[in-house]
Amino acid sequence: YQQEAAREEIGKQLGGHLPSLDLVANYNDNRQHEGSTPSQSGYDSVQHYIGVQANWNLWQSGGQYAKVKEARARFDKAEANLELAKRTARFNGQQAWLNQQIAIAKQQSSIMTIQAAQQQLAALQQGTDIGLKSRLDQLRAQEQLASTERDYRKAVYQQLLAFIKLEGLANQLTPHDFQQVDALFSQNEVSP
Protein backbone atom coordinates (compact mmCIF):
# COMPACT_ATOMS: atom_id res chain seq x y z
CA TYR A 1 0.00 0.00 0.00
CA GLN A 2 2.84 2.37 0.77
CA GLN A 3 4.29 1.66 -2.64
CA GLU A 4 1.04 2.54 -4.42
CA ALA A 5 0.62 5.72 -2.37
CA ALA A 6 4.20 6.73 -3.17
CA ARG A 7 3.63 6.04 -6.89
CA GLU A 8 0.52 8.25 -6.87
CA GLU A 9 2.44 11.01 -5.07
CA ILE A 10 5.10 10.98 -7.80
CA GLY A 11 2.38 11.47 -10.42
CA LYS A 12 0.86 14.29 -8.41
CA GLN A 13 4.20 16.08 -8.03
CA LEU A 14 5.06 15.59 -11.70
CA GLY A 15 1.76 17.29 -12.46
CA GLY A 16 3.19 20.44 -10.85
CA HIS A 17 5.33 20.91 -13.98
CA LEU A 18 2.31 20.84 -16.28
CA PRO A 19 0.16 23.81 -17.20
CA SER A 20 -3.05 24.31 -15.26
CA LEU A 21 -6.36 25.49 -16.63
CA ASP A 22 -8.72 27.36 -14.31
CA LEU A 23 -12.24 28.64 -14.75
CA VAL A 24 -12.38 32.26 -13.54
CA ALA A 25 -15.47 34.36 -12.84
CA ASN A 26 -15.67 37.92 -11.52
CA TYR A 27 -18.45 40.41 -10.78
CA ASN A 28 -17.88 44.09 -9.80
CA ASP A 29 -20.55 46.62 -9.01
CA ASN A 30 -19.23 50.17 -8.38
CA ARG A 31 -21.60 53.05 -7.70
CA GLN A 32 -20.96 56.62 -6.81
CA HIS A 33 -23.93 58.97 -6.46
CA GLU A 34 -21.91 62.15 -6.75
CA GLY A 35 -18.70 62.97 -8.47
CA SER A 36 -15.59 64.18 -6.71
CA THR A 37 -16.58 67.80 -7.44
CA PRO A 38 -20.08 69.29 -7.03
CA SER A 39 -20.57 69.76 -10.74
CA GLN A 40 -19.65 66.20 -11.53
CA SER A 41 -22.42 63.64 -11.61
CA GLY A 42 -22.21 60.11 -10.08
CA TYR A 43 -21.79 56.90 -11.97
CA ASP A 44 -22.77 53.26 -11.93
CA SER A 45 -20.26 50.73 -13.14
CA VAL A 46 -21.01 47.02 -13.37
CA GLN A 47 -18.37 44.60 -14.61
CA HIS A 48 -18.67 40.86 -14.88
CA TYR A 49 -16.79 38.29 -16.79
CA ILE A 50 -16.32 34.54 -17.00
CA GLY A 51 -13.19 33.14 -18.53
CA VAL A 52 -10.60 30.44 -18.70
CA GLN A 53 -7.15 31.12 -17.34
CA ALA A 54 -4.12 29.03 -18.28
CA ASN A 55 -1.03 29.01 -16.04
CA TRP A 56 2.32 27.48 -16.73
CA ASN A 57 5.13 28.00 -14.29
CA LEU A 58 8.26 28.37 -16.32
CA TRP A 59 10.53 28.74 -13.33
CA GLN A 60 9.89 27.74 -9.73
CA SER A 61 13.42 27.90 -8.36
CA GLY A 62 13.65 24.11 -8.01
CA GLY A 63 10.80 23.75 -5.53
CA GLN A 64 8.72 21.47 -7.71
CA TYR A 65 11.79 19.50 -8.76
CA ALA A 66 12.61 18.91 -5.08
CA LYS A 67 9.05 17.71 -4.41
CA VAL A 68 9.29 15.23 -7.29
CA LYS A 69 12.68 14.03 -6.05
CA GLU A 70 11.28 13.58 -2.52
CA ALA A 71 8.28 11.63 -3.85
CA ARG A 72 10.62 9.35 -5.83
CA ALA A 73 12.76 8.81 -2.72
CA ARG A 74 9.64 7.82 -0.76
CA PHE A 75 8.71 5.39 -3.52
CA ASP A 76 12.20 3.86 -3.44
CA LYS A 77 11.96 3.53 0.34
CA ALA A 78 8.55 1.85 0.07
CA GLU A 79 9.97 -0.59 -2.51
CA ALA A 80 12.95 -1.34 -0.26
CA ASN A 81 10.63 -1.91 2.74
CA LEU A 82 8.50 -4.29 0.69
CA GLU A 83 11.56 -6.24 -0.47
CA LEU A 84 12.86 -6.38 3.12
CA ALA A 85 9.50 -7.70 4.33
CA LYS A 86 9.53 -10.39 1.61
CA ARG A 87 13.08 -11.44 2.46
CA THR A 88 12.31 -11.49 6.19
CA ALA A 89 9.22 -13.63 5.64
CA ARG A 90 11.17 -16.00 3.39
CA PHE A 91 14.01 -16.23 5.93
CA ASN A 92 11.63 -16.81 8.84
CA GLY A 93 9.85 -19.53 6.88
CA GLN A 94 13.13 -21.26 6.05
CA GLN A 95 14.27 -21.02 9.67
CA ALA A 96 10.99 -22.44 10.95
CA TRP A 97 11.17 -25.33 8.45
CA LEU A 98 14.80 -26.08 9.37
CA ASN A 99 13.98 -25.91 13.09
CA GLN A 100 11.15 -28.38 12.56
CA GLN A 101 13.42 -30.75 10.62
CA ILE A 102 16.07 -30.53 13.34
CA ALA A 103 13.47 -31.19 16.05
CA ILE A 104 12.13 -34.20 14.13
CA ALA A 105 15.66 -35.59 13.79
CA LYS A 106 16.27 -35.04 17.53
CA GLN A 107 13.00 -36.75 18.33
CA GLN A 108 13.89 -39.78 16.18
CA SER A 109 17.37 -39.88 17.68
CA SER A 110 15.91 -39.75 21.18
CA ILE A 111 13.64 -42.70 20.39
CA MET A 112 16.65 -44.80 19.38
CA THR A 113 18.58 -43.62 22.44
CA ILE A 114 15.67 -44.58 24.73
CA GLN A 115 15.49 -48.03 23.14
CA ALA A 116 19.24 -48.50 23.63
CA ALA A 117 19.02 -47.29 27.27
CA GLN A 118 16.11 -49.68 27.93
CA GLN A 119 18.09 -52.60 26.50
CA GLN A 120 21.12 -51.59 28.55
CA LEU A 121 19.03 -51.39 31.73
CA ALA A 122 17.49 -54.80 31.05
CA ALA A 123 20.95 -56.31 30.50
CA LEU A 124 22.27 -54.69 33.70
CA GLN A 125 19.29 -56.00 35.68
CA GLN A 126 20.04 -59.49 34.46
CA GLY A 127 23.73 -58.95 35.28
CA THR A 128 22.81 -57.72 38.77
CA ASP A 129 20.50 -60.72 39.31
CA ILE A 130 23.32 -63.14 38.59
CA GLY A 131 25.90 -61.05 40.42
CA LEU A 132 28.01 -59.79 37.49
CA LYS A 133 26.98 -56.11 37.75
CA SER A 134 26.56 -53.89 40.78
CA ARG A 135 23.47 -52.00 41.85
CA LEU A 136 25.40 -48.77 41.08
CA ASP A 137 25.65 -49.74 37.41
CA GLN A 138 21.93 -50.37 37.36
CA LEU A 139 21.20 -46.97 38.96
CA ARG A 140 23.43 -45.22 36.41
CA ALA A 141 21.52 -46.96 33.60
CA GLN A 142 18.20 -45.84 35.12
CA GLU A 143 19.56 -42.29 35.31
CA GLN A 144 20.62 -42.51 31.66
CA LEU A 145 17.15 -43.75 30.66
CA ALA A 146 15.46 -40.90 32.56
CA SER A 147 17.80 -38.41 30.89
CA THR A 148 17.05 -39.74 27.40
CA GLU A 149 13.30 -39.70 28.11
CA ARG A 150 13.66 -36.06 29.16
CA ASP A 151 15.56 -35.30 25.94
CA TYR A 152 12.78 -37.00 23.98
CA ARG A 153 10.10 -34.86 25.64
CA LYS A 154 12.17 -31.77 24.94
CA ALA A 155 12.51 -32.78 21.27
CA VAL A 156 8.74 -33.31 21.02
CA TYR A 157 8.18 -29.86 22.51
CA GLN A 158 10.69 -28.24 20.12
CA GLN A 159 9.15 -30.01 17.14
CA LEU A 160 5.71 -28.83 18.20
CA LEU A 161 6.88 -25.23 18.58
CA ALA A 162 8.59 -25.34 15.19
CA PHE A 163 5.43 -26.78 13.62
CA ILE A 164 3.25 -24.07 15.13
CA LYS A 165 5.64 -21.35 14.01
CA LEU A 166 5.78 -22.76 10.49
CA GLU A 167 2.00 -23.04 10.28
CA GLY A 168 1.65 -19.52 11.68
CA LEU A 169 4.06 -18.11 9.09
CA ALA A 170 2.09 -19.88 6.37
CA ASN A 171 -1.10 -18.48 7.94
CA GLN A 172 -2.57 -21.99 8.16
CA LEU A 173 -3.08 -22.52 11.88
CA THR A 174 -6.38 -24.20 12.61
CA PRO A 175 -8.28 -24.95 15.82
CA HIS A 176 -7.30 -28.62 15.32
CA ASP A 177 -3.62 -27.63 15.71
CA PHE A 178 -4.37 -26.02 19.06
CA GLN A 179 -6.35 -29.08 20.15
CA GLN A 180 -3.31 -31.24 19.40
CA VAL A 181 -1.13 -28.94 21.49
CA ASP A 182 -3.64 -29.02 24.32
CA ALA A 183 -3.83 -32.82 24.18
CA LEU A 184 -0.05 -33.07 24.28
CA PHE A 185 0.23 -30.88 27.37
CA SER A 186 -2.65 -32.61 29.14
CA GLN A 187 -0.96 -36.03 28.86
CA ASN A 188 1.00 -37.06 31.92
CA GLU A 189 3.64 -38.82 29.91
CA VAL A 190 4.82 -38.51 26.34
CA SER A 191 5.94 -41.90 25.15
CA PRO A 192 8.17 -42.51 22.17
C-alpha atoms as a PDB file:
ATOM      1  CA  TYR A   1       0.000   0.000   0.000  1.00  0.00           C
ATOM      2  CA  GLN A   2       2.841   2.369   0.770  1.00  0.00           C
ATOM      3  CA  GLN A   3       4.295   1.665  -2.635  1.00  0.00           C
ATOM      4  CA  GLU A   4       1.037   2.542  -4.425  1.00  0.00           C
ATOM      5  CA  ALA A   5       0.617   5.717  -2.375  1.00  0.00           C
ATOM      6  CA  ALA A   6       4.198   6.731  -3.173  1.00  0.00           C
ATOM      7  CA  ARG A   7       3.629   6.042  -6.885  1.00  0.00           C
ATOM      8  CA  GLU A   8       0.524   8.251  -6.871  1.00  0.00           C
ATOM      9  CA  GLU A   9       2.440  11.009  -5.070  1.00  0.00           C
ATOM     10  CA  ILE A  10       5.099  10.977  -7.804  1.00  0.00           C
ATOM     11  CA  GLY A  11       2.385  11.473 -10.424  1.00  0.00           C
ATOM     12  CA  LYS A  12       0.857  14.287  -8.408  1.00  0.00           C
ATOM     13  CA  GLN A  13       4.197  16.077  -8.027  1.00  0.00           C
ATOM     14  CA  LEU A  14       5.063  15.593 -11.704  1.00  0.00           C
ATOM     15  CA  GLY A  15       1.762  17.290 -12.459  1.00  0.00           C
ATOM     16  CA  GLY A  16       3.185  20.442 -10.846  1.00  0.00           C
ATOM     17  CA  HIS A  17       5.327  20.911 -13.983  1.00  0.00           C
ATOM     18  CA  LEU A  18       2.305  20.835 -16.275  1.00  0.00           C
ATOM     19  CA  PRO A  19       0.159  23.805 -17.201  1.00  0.00           C
ATOM     20  CA  SER A  20      -3.050  24.309 -15.261  1.00  0.00           C
ATOM     21  CA  LEU A  21      -6.364  25.489 -16.634  1.00  0.00           C
ATOM     22  CA  ASP A  22      -8.723  27.361 -14.305  1.00  0.00           C
ATOM     23  CA  LEU A  23     -12.242  28.644 -14.747  1.00  0.00           C
ATOM     24  CA  VAL A  24     -12.384  32.262 -13.536  1.00  0.00           C
ATOM     25  CA  ALA A  25     -15.466  34.358 -12.838  1.00  0.00           C
ATOM     26  CA  ASN A  26     -15.674  37.920 -11.525  1.00  0.00           C
ATOM     27  CA  TYR A  27     -18.448  40.415 -10.779  1.00  0.00           C
ATOM     28  CA  ASN A  28     -17.879  44.085  -9.804  1.00  0.00           C
ATOM     29  CA  ASP A  29     -20.553  46.620  -9.011  1.00  0.00           C
ATOM     30  CA  ASN A  30     -19.225  50.166  -8.378  1.00  0.00           C
ATOM     31  CA  ARG A  31     -21.601  53.045  -7.702  1.00  0.00           C
ATOM     32  CA  GLN A  32     -20.962  56.619  -6.810  1.00  0.00           C
ATOM     33  CA  HIS A  33     -23.929  58.970  -6.462  1.00  0.00           C
ATOM     34  CA  GLU A  34     -21.912  62.154  -6.752  1.00  0.00           C
ATOM     35  CA  GLY A  35     -18.696  62.975  -8.474  1.00  0.00           C
ATOM     36  CA  SER A  36     -15.585  64.177  -6.714  1.00  0.00           C
ATOM     37  CA  THR A  37     -16.580  67.805  -7.438  1.00  0.00           C
ATOM     38  CA  PRO A  38     -20.076  69.289  -7.025  1.00  0.00           C
ATOM     39  CA  SER A  39     -20.573  69.761 -10.735  1.00  0.00           C
ATOM     40  CA  GLN A  40     -19.648  66.204 -11.530  1.00  0.00           C
ATOM     41  CA  SER A  41     -22.416  63.638 -11.613  1.00  0.00           C
ATOM     42  CA  GLY A  42     -22.209  60.115 -10.076  1.00  0.00           C
ATOM     43  CA  TYR A  43     -21.789  56.904 -11.970  1.00  0.00           C
ATOM     44  CA  ASP A  44     -22.772  53.262 -11.930  1.00  0.00           C
ATOM     45  CA  SER A  45     -20.260  50.729 -13.144  1.00  0.00           C
ATOM     46  CA  VAL A  46     -21.005  47.019 -13.374  1.00  0.00           C
ATOM     47  CA  GLN A  47     -18.371  44.598 -14.611  1.00  0.00           C
ATOM     48  CA  HIS A  48     -18.667  40.860 -14.880  1.00  0.00           C
ATOM     49  CA  TYR A  49     -16.785  38.286 -16.795  1.00  0.00           C
ATOM     50  CA  ILE A  50     -16.316  34.544 -17.004  1.00  0.00           C
ATOM     51  CA  GLY A  51     -13.189  33.142 -18.525  1.00  0.00           C
ATOM     52  CA  VAL A  52     -10.603  30.435 -18.700  1.00  0.00           C
ATOM     53  CA  GLN A  53      -7.151  31.122 -17.340  1.00  0.00           C
ATOM     54  CA  ALA A  54      -4.115  29.032 -18.279  1.00  0.00           C
ATOM     55  CA  ASN A  55      -1.034  29.014 -16.041  1.00  0.00           C
ATOM     56  CA  TRP A  56       2.320  27.480 -16.735  1.00  0.00           C
ATOM     57  CA  ASN A  57       5.126  28.000 -14.292  1.00  0.00           C
ATOM     58  CA  LEU A  58       8.260  28.369 -16.322  1.00  0.00           C
ATOM     59  CA  TRP A  59      10.528  28.738 -13.331  1.00  0.00           C
ATOM     60  CA  GLN A  60       9.890  27.742  -9.732  1.00  0.00           C
ATOM     61  CA  SER A  61      13.417  27.900  -8.365  1.00  0.00           C
ATOM     62  CA  GLY A  62      13.653  24.111  -8.005  1.00  0.00           C
ATOM     63  CA  GLY A  63      10.805  23.753  -5.529  1.00  0.00           C
ATOM     64  CA  GLN A  64       8.719  21.469  -7.712  1.00  0.00           C
ATOM     65  CA  TYR A  65      11.794  19.496  -8.755  1.00  0.00           C
ATOM     66  CA  ALA A  66      12.610  18.910  -5.076  1.00  0.00           C
ATOM     67  CA  LYS A  67       9.053  17.706  -4.413  1.00  0.00           C
ATOM     68  CA  VAL A  68       9.295  15.228  -7.291  1.00  0.00           C
ATOM     69  CA  LYS A  69      12.679  14.027  -6.045  1.00  0.00           C
ATOM     70  CA  GLU A  70      11.284  13.581  -2.524  1.00  0.00           C
ATOM     71  CA  ALA A  71       8.283  11.627  -3.853  1.00  0.00           C
ATOM     72  CA  ARG A  72      10.618   9.351  -5.834  1.00  0.00           C
ATOM     73  CA  ALA A  73      12.765   8.809  -2.722  1.00  0.00           C
ATOM     74  CA  ARG A  74       9.644   7.820  -0.760  1.00  0.00           C
ATOM     75  CA  PHE A  75       8.708   5.387  -3.519  1.00  0.00           C
ATOM     76  CA  ASP A  76      12.196   3.858  -3.441  1.00  0.00           C
ATOM     77  CA  LYS A  77      11.965   3.532   0.343  1.00  0.00           C
ATOM     78  CA  ALA A  78       8.553   1.847   0.068  1.00  0.00           C
ATOM     79  CA  GLU A  79       9.972  -0.587  -2.507  1.00  0.00           C
ATOM     80  CA  ALA A  80      12.951  -1.336  -0.264  1.00  0.00           C
ATOM     81  CA  ASN A  81      10.630  -1.905   2.739  1.00  0.00           C
ATOM     82  CA  LEU A  82       8.498  -4.287   0.687  1.00  0.00           C
ATOM     83  CA  GLU A  83      11.561  -6.240  -0.467  1.00  0.00           C
ATOM     84  CA  LEU A  84      12.856  -6.380   3.115  1.00  0.00           C
ATOM     85  CA  ALA A  85       9.497  -7.703   4.326  1.00  0.00           C
ATOM     86  CA  LYS A  86       9.530 -10.387   1.609  1.00  0.00           C
ATOM     87  CA  ARG A  87      13.080 -11.436   2.463  1.00  0.00           C
ATOM     88  CA  THR A  88      12.314 -11.487   6.187  1.00  0.00           C
ATOM     89  CA  ALA A  89       9.221 -13.630   5.644  1.00  0.00           C
ATOM     90  CA  ARG A  90      11.172 -15.995   3.393  1.00  0.00           C
ATOM     91  CA  PHE A  91      14.015 -16.231   5.931  1.00  0.00           C
ATOM     92  CA  ASN A  92      11.628 -16.809   8.845  1.00  0.00           C
ATOM     93  CA  GLY A  93       9.854 -19.529   6.876  1.00  0.00           C
ATOM     94  CA  GLN A  94      13.128 -21.262   6.045  1.00  0.00           C
ATOM     95  CA  GLN A  95      14.275 -21.023   9.667  1.00  0.00           C
ATOM     96  CA  ALA A  96      10.986 -22.442  10.946  1.00  0.00           C
ATOM     97  CA  TRP A  97      11.170 -25.326   8.452  1.00  0.00           C
ATOM     98  CA  LEU A  98      14.801 -26.077   9.373  1.00  0.00           C
ATOM     99  CA  ASN A  99      13.980 -25.915  13.091  1.00  0.00           C
ATOM    100  CA  GLN A 100      11.149 -28.375  12.562  1.00  0.00           C
ATOM    101  CA  GLN A 101      13.416 -30.748  10.621  1.00  0.00           C
ATOM    102  CA  ILE A 102      16.074 -30.531  13.343  1.00  0.00           C
ATOM    103  CA  ALA A 103      13.474 -31.193  16.048  1.00  0.00           C
ATOM    104  CA  ILE A 104      12.126 -34.203  14.131  1.00  0.00           C
ATOM    105  CA  ALA A 105      15.662 -35.590  13.791  1.00  0.00           C
ATOM    106  CA  LYS A 106      16.274 -35.042  17.528  1.00  0.00           C
ATOM    107  CA  GLN A 107      13.005 -36.753  18.328  1.00  0.00           C
ATOM    108  CA  GLN A 108      13.894 -39.784  16.179  1.00  0.00           C
ATOM    109  CA  SER A 109      17.374 -39.878  17.676  1.00  0.00           C
ATOM    110  CA  SER A 110      15.911 -39.754  21.178  1.00  0.00           C
ATOM    111  CA  ILE A 111      13.641 -42.704  20.390  1.00  0.00           C
ATOM    112  CA  MET A 112      16.648 -44.802  19.380  1.00  0.00           C
ATOM    113  CA  THR A 113      18.580 -43.625  22.437  1.00  0.00           C
ATOM    114  CA  ILE A 114      15.668 -44.582  24.726  1.00  0.00           C
ATOM    115  CA  GLN A 115      15.486 -48.034  23.142  1.00  0.00           C
ATOM    116  CA  ALA A 116      19.237 -48.504  23.631  1.00  0.00           C
ATOM    117  CA  ALA A 117      19.020 -47.292  27.267  1.00  0.00           C
ATOM    118  CA  GLN A 118      16.106 -49.676  27.935  1.00  0.00           C
ATOM    119  CA  GLN A 119      18.087 -52.597  26.499  1.00  0.00           C
ATOM    120  CA  GLN A 120      21.124 -51.593  28.550  1.00  0.00           C
ATOM    121  CA  LEU A 121      19.026 -51.387  31.727  1.00  0.00           C
ATOM    122  CA  ALA A 122      17.488 -54.802  31.052  1.00  0.00           C
ATOM    123  CA  ALA A 123      20.951 -56.312  30.505  1.00  0.00           C
ATOM    124  CA  LEU A 124      22.267 -54.694  33.703  1.00  0.00           C
ATOM    125  CA  GLN A 125      19.292 -55.999  35.684  1.00  0.00           C
ATOM    126  CA  GLN A 126      20.041 -59.491  34.458  1.00  0.00           C
ATOM    127  CA  GLY A 127      23.727 -58.952  35.280  1.00  0.00           C
ATOM    128  CA  THR A 128      22.811 -57.718  38.768  1.00  0.00           C
ATOM    129  CA  ASP A 129      20.504 -60.716  39.310  1.00  0.00           C
ATOM    130  CA  ILE A 130      23.317 -63.139  38.592  1.00  0.00           C
ATOM    131  CA  GLY A 131      25.903 -61.048  40.424  1.00  0.00           C
ATOM    132  CA  LEU A 132      28.008 -59.789  37.489  1.00  0.00           C
ATOM    133  CA  LYS A 133      26.982 -56.107  37.750  1.00  0.00           C
ATOM    134  CA  SER A 134      26.562 -53.894  40.777  1.00  0.00           C
ATOM    135  CA  ARG A 135      23.472 -52.001  41.848  1.00  0.00           C
ATOM    136  CA  LEU A 136      25.402 -48.765  41.083  1.00  0.00           C
ATOM    137  CA  ASP A 137      25.651 -49.741  37.413  1.00  0.00           C
ATOM    138  CA  GLN A 138      21.925 -50.372  37.363  1.00  0.00           C
ATOM    139  CA  LEU A 139      21.198 -46.971  38.960  1.00  0.00           C
ATOM    140  CA  ARG A 140      23.425 -45.224  36.408  1.00  0.00           C
ATOM    141  CA  ALA A 141      21.518 -46.958  33.601  1.00  0.00           C
ATOM    142  CA  GLN A 142      18.199 -45.836  35.119  1.00  0.00           C
ATOM    143  CA  GLU A 143      19.561 -42.288  35.307  1.00  0.00           C
ATOM    144  CA  GLN A 144      20.622 -42.512  31.656  1.00  0.00           C
ATOM    145  CA  LEU A 145      17.155 -43.750  30.664  1.00  0.00           C
ATOM    146  CA  ALA A 146      15.463 -40.902  32.558  1.00  0.00           C
ATOM    147  CA  SER A 147      17.801 -38.407  30.889  1.00  0.00           C
ATOM    148  CA  THR A 148      17.052 -39.743  27.398  1.00  0.00           C
ATOM    149  CA  GLU A 149      13.297 -39.696  28.105  1.00  0.00           C
ATOM    150  CA  ARG A 150      13.657 -36.058  29.160  1.00  0.00           C
ATOM    151  CA  ASP A 151      15.555 -35.303  25.936  1.00  0.00           C
ATOM    152  CA  TYR A 152      12.775 -37.004  23.982  1.00  0.00           C
ATOM    153  CA  ARG A 153      10.097 -34.857  25.635  1.00  0.00           C
ATOM    154  CA  LYS A 154      12.171 -31.773  24.935  1.00  0.00           C
ATOM    155  CA  ALA A 155      12.508 -32.775  21.271  1.00  0.00           C
ATOM    156  CA  VAL A 156       8.736 -33.315  21.015  1.00  0.00           C
ATOM    157  CA  TYR A 157       8.183 -29.861  22.509  1.00  0.00           C
ATOM    158  CA  GLN A 158      10.689 -28.239  20.120  1.00  0.00           C
ATOM    159  CA  GLN A 159       9.152 -30.008  17.145  1.00  0.00           C
ATOM    160  CA  LEU A 160       5.714 -28.834  18.205  1.00  0.00           C
ATOM    161  CA  LEU A 161       6.877 -25.232  18.582  1.00  0.00           C
ATOM    162  CA  ALA A 162       8.586 -25.341  15.186  1.00  0.00           C
ATOM    163  CA  PHE A 163       5.429 -26.782  13.615  1.00  0.00           C
ATOM    164  CA  ILE A 164       3.248 -24.073  15.131  1.00  0.00           C
ATOM    165  CA  LYS A 165       5.639 -21.347  14.010  1.00  0.00           C
ATOM    166  CA  LEU A 166       5.784 -22.760  10.490  1.00  0.00           C
ATOM    167  CA  GLU A 167       1.999 -23.039  10.283  1.00  0.00           C
ATOM    168  CA  GLY A 168       1.654 -19.523  11.679  1.00  0.00           C
ATOM    169  CA  LEU A 169       4.057 -18.112   9.090  1.00  0.00           C
ATOM    170  CA  ALA A 170       2.088 -19.880   6.370  1.00  0.00           C
ATOM    171  CA  ASN A 171      -1.104 -18.482   7.940  1.00  0.00           C
ATOM    172  CA  GLN A 172      -2.566 -21.990   8.158  1.00  0.00           C
ATOM    173  CA  LEU A 173      -3.082 -22.523  11.878  1.00  0.00           C
ATOM    174  CA  THR A 174      -6.384 -24.200  12.615  1.00  0.00           C
ATOM    175  CA  PRO A 175      -8.282 -24.949  15.823  1.00  0.00           C
ATOM    176  CA  HIS A 176      -7.303 -28.615  15.323  1.00  0.00           C
ATOM    177  CA  ASP A 177      -3.623 -27.634  15.707  1.00  0.00           C
ATOM    178  CA  PHE A 178      -4.367 -26.024  19.060  1.00  0.00           C
ATOM    179  CA  GLN A 179      -6.350 -29.076  20.155  1.00  0.00           C
ATOM    180  CA  GLN A 180      -3.307 -31.241  19.399  1.00  0.00           C
ATOM    181  CA  VAL A 181      -1.126 -28.941  21.491  1.00  0.00           C
ATOM    182  CA  ASP A 182      -3.636 -29.023  24.324  1.00  0.00           C
ATOM    183  CA  ALA A 183      -3.827 -32.818  24.176  1.00  0.00           C
ATOM    184  CA  LEU A 184      -0.046 -33.074  24.280  1.00  0.00           C
ATOM    185  CA  PHE A 185       0.228 -30.882  27.367  1.00  0.00           C
ATOM    186  CA  SER A 186      -2.648 -32.609  29.136  1.00  0.00           C
ATOM    187  CA  GLN A 187      -0.960 -36.032  28.863  1.00  0.00           C
ATOM    188  CA  ASN A 188       0.995 -37.057  31.918  1.00  0.00           C
ATOM    189  CA  GLU A 189       3.639 -38.817  29.906  1.00  0.00           C
ATOM    190  CA  VAL A 190       4.816 -38.511  26.342  1.00  0.00           C
ATOM    191  CA  SER A 191       5.938 -41.897  25.149  1.00  0.00           C
ATOM    192  CA  PRO A 192       8.172 -42.513  22.167  1.00  0.00           C
END
